[in-house]
Amino acid sequence: MGLEAYNQQSAISDDPYVLVLKLYEGLLKYLSFVKNAMQEGNIEEKFNYINRSIAIFDELRNVLDFDGGDIAYYLDGLYLYQIETLFSAGIDDNINAVNQVMKVTRGLIGAWKEETGL
């Protein structure tokens, strides 16, 4: 769902670095929707956007290059932890946990931009 959705929604370049950045940015958007749904008590919408966020983390895991060194293993663990955090946050309506995932995602965006020069 992750990359395909972005390719369909907007005409972005085939640059894999840009695609990863778009995935991170999409995560922030969906996570804000999760928070809104929690605040409004909309259970269906909350889980819809949690599932979309998890799908993006899964897509990010799928594009990791484990031949490239330890960073891929670190990111894989980080992404898995974010998935677990979101799943628990959805069950407990824990907005603070969603905020933590957003904070991690913002950090990933900053690091990615710095590393890639985007």
Protein backbone atom coordinates (compact mmCIF):
# COMPACT_ATOMS: atom_id res chain seq x y z
CA MET A 1 0.00 0.00 0.00
CA GLY A 2 2.76 2.48 0.94
CA LEU A 3 4.73 3.22 -2.20
CA GLU A 4 1.88 2.37 -4.54
CA ALA A 5 -0.37 4.93 -2.88
CA TYR A 6 2.20 7.67 -3.30
CA ASN A 7 2.88 6.76 -6.90
CA GLN A 8 -0.83 6.97 -7.65
CA GLN A 9 -1.55 10.13 -5.66
CA SER A 10 1.18 12.39 -6.97
CA ALA A 11 3.65 12.60 -9.77
CA ILE A 12 6.88 12.23 -7.85
CA SER A 13 10.24 11.28 -9.21
CA ASP A 14 11.53 7.73 -9.30
CA ASP A 15 14.32 8.79 -6.96
CA PRO A 16 14.26 6.24 -4.11
CA TYR A 17 15.50 8.87 -1.66
CA VAL A 18 12.52 11.09 -2.49
CA LEU A 19 10.17 8.12 -2.16
CA VAL A 20 11.43 7.32 1.34
CA LEU A 21 11.04 10.96 2.33
CA LYS A 22 7.45 10.91 1.01
CA LEU A 23 6.76 7.78 3.08
CA TYR A 24 8.01 9.51 6.22
CA GLU A 25 5.92 12.60 5.45
CA GLY A 26 2.88 10.40 4.80
CA LEU A 27 3.42 8.79 8.18
CA LEU A 28 3.24 12.17 9.91
CA LYS A 29 0.00 12.95 8.10
CA TYR A 30 -1.61 9.64 9.02
CA LEU A 31 -0.41 9.88 12.62
CA SER A 32 -2.06 13.29 12.96
CA PHE A 33 -5.27 11.69 11.67
CA VAL A 34 -4.88 8.93 14.31
CA LYS A 35 -4.65 11.56 17.04
CA ASN A 36 -7.71 13.43 15.73
CA ALA A 37 -9.71 10.21 15.59
CA MET A 38 -8.69 9.38 19.17
CA GLN A 39 -9.75 12.81 20.37
CA GLU A 40 -13.08 12.47 18.59
CA GLY A 41 -13.64 8.90 19.79
CA ASN A 42 -13.88 7.63 16.20
CA ILE A 43 -12.69 4.04 16.61
CA GLU A 44 -13.09 3.01 12.96
CA GLU A 45 -11.12 5.99 11.65
CA LYS A 46 -8.46 5.56 14.35
CA PHE A 47 -7.73 1.98 13.33
CA ASN A 48 -7.95 2.84 9.63
CA TYR A 49 -5.12 5.36 10.00
CA ILE A 50 -3.14 3.18 12.40
CA ASN A 51 -3.29 0.42 9.78
CA ARG A 52 -2.18 2.85 7.06
CA SER A 53 0.70 4.02 9.25
CA ILE A 54 1.75 0.45 9.94
CA ALA A 55 1.60 -0.29 6.20
CA ILE A 56 4.05 2.55 5.60
CA PHE A 57 6.41 1.22 8.27
CA ASP A 58 6.15 -2.21 6.60
CA GLU A 59 7.00 -0.64 3.24
CA LEU A 60 9.97 1.14 4.80
CA ARG A 61 11.13 -2.21 6.21
CA ASN A 62 10.77 -3.81 2.78
CA VAL A 63 13.14 -1.33 1.12
CA LEU A 64 15.94 -1.67 3.70
CA ASP A 65 19.29 -2.80 2.27
CA PHE A 66 20.68 -5.27 4.79
CA ASP A 67 23.86 -5.61 2.72
CA GLY A 68 24.59 -1.95 3.42
CA GLY A 69 25.59 -2.40 7.06
CA ASP A 70 24.29 -2.11 10.58
CA ILE A 71 22.04 0.90 9.94
CA ALA A 72 19.48 -1.29 8.14
CA TYR A 73 19.26 -3.60 11.16
CA TYR A 74 18.89 -0.61 13.47
CA LEU A 75 16.14 0.90 11.32
CA ASP A 76 14.35 -2.44 11.05
CA GLY A 77 14.23 -2.69 14.84
CA LEU A 78 13.18 0.94 15.15
CA TYR A 79 10.36 0.48 12.63
CA LEU A 80 9.17 -2.69 14.37
CA TYR A 81 9.11 -0.88 17.69
CA GLN A 82 7.05 1.94 16.17
CA ILE A 83 4.57 -0.62 14.79
CA GLU A 84 4.23 -2.21 18.24
CA THR A 85 3.84 1.21 19.84
CA LEU A 86 1.08 2.19 17.39
CA PHE A 87 -0.75 -1.08 17.88
CA SER A 88 -0.73 -0.62 21.66
CA ALA A 89 -1.63 3.06 21.35
CA GLY A 90 -4.69 2.13 19.32
CA ILE A 91 -5.92 -0.30 21.94
CA ASP A 92 -5.27 2.08 24.86
CA ASP A 93 -6.14 5.37 23.07
CA ASN A 94 -2.70 6.57 24.10
CA ILE A 95 -2.13 9.91 22.36
CA ASN A 96 1.25 10.28 24.09
CA ALA A 97 2.46 7.10 22.40
CA VAL A 98 1.31 8.45 19.02
CA ASN A 99 3.19 11.69 19.80
CA GLN A 100 6.32 9.60 20.49
CA VAL A 101 6.01 7.86 17.11
CA MET A 102 5.58 11.29 15.49
CA LYS A 103 8.70 12.53 17.28
CA VAL A 104 10.70 9.53 16.02
CA THR A 105 9.36 10.09 12.50
CA ARG A 106 10.35 13.76 12.58
CA GLY A 107 13.83 12.68 13.68
CA LEU A 108 13.98 10.22 10.79
CA ILE A 109 12.95 12.96 8.36
CA GLY A 110 15.66 15.27 9.67
CA ALA A 111 18.32 12.57 9.50
CA TRP A 112 17.19 11.47 6.04
CA LYS A 113 17.29 15.01 4.68
CA GLU A 114 20.73 15.55 6.18
CA GLU A 115 22.05 12.25 4.80
CA THR A 116 20.57 12.63 1.32
CA GLY A 117 20.77 16.39 0.87
CA LEU A 118 17.04 16.64 0.10
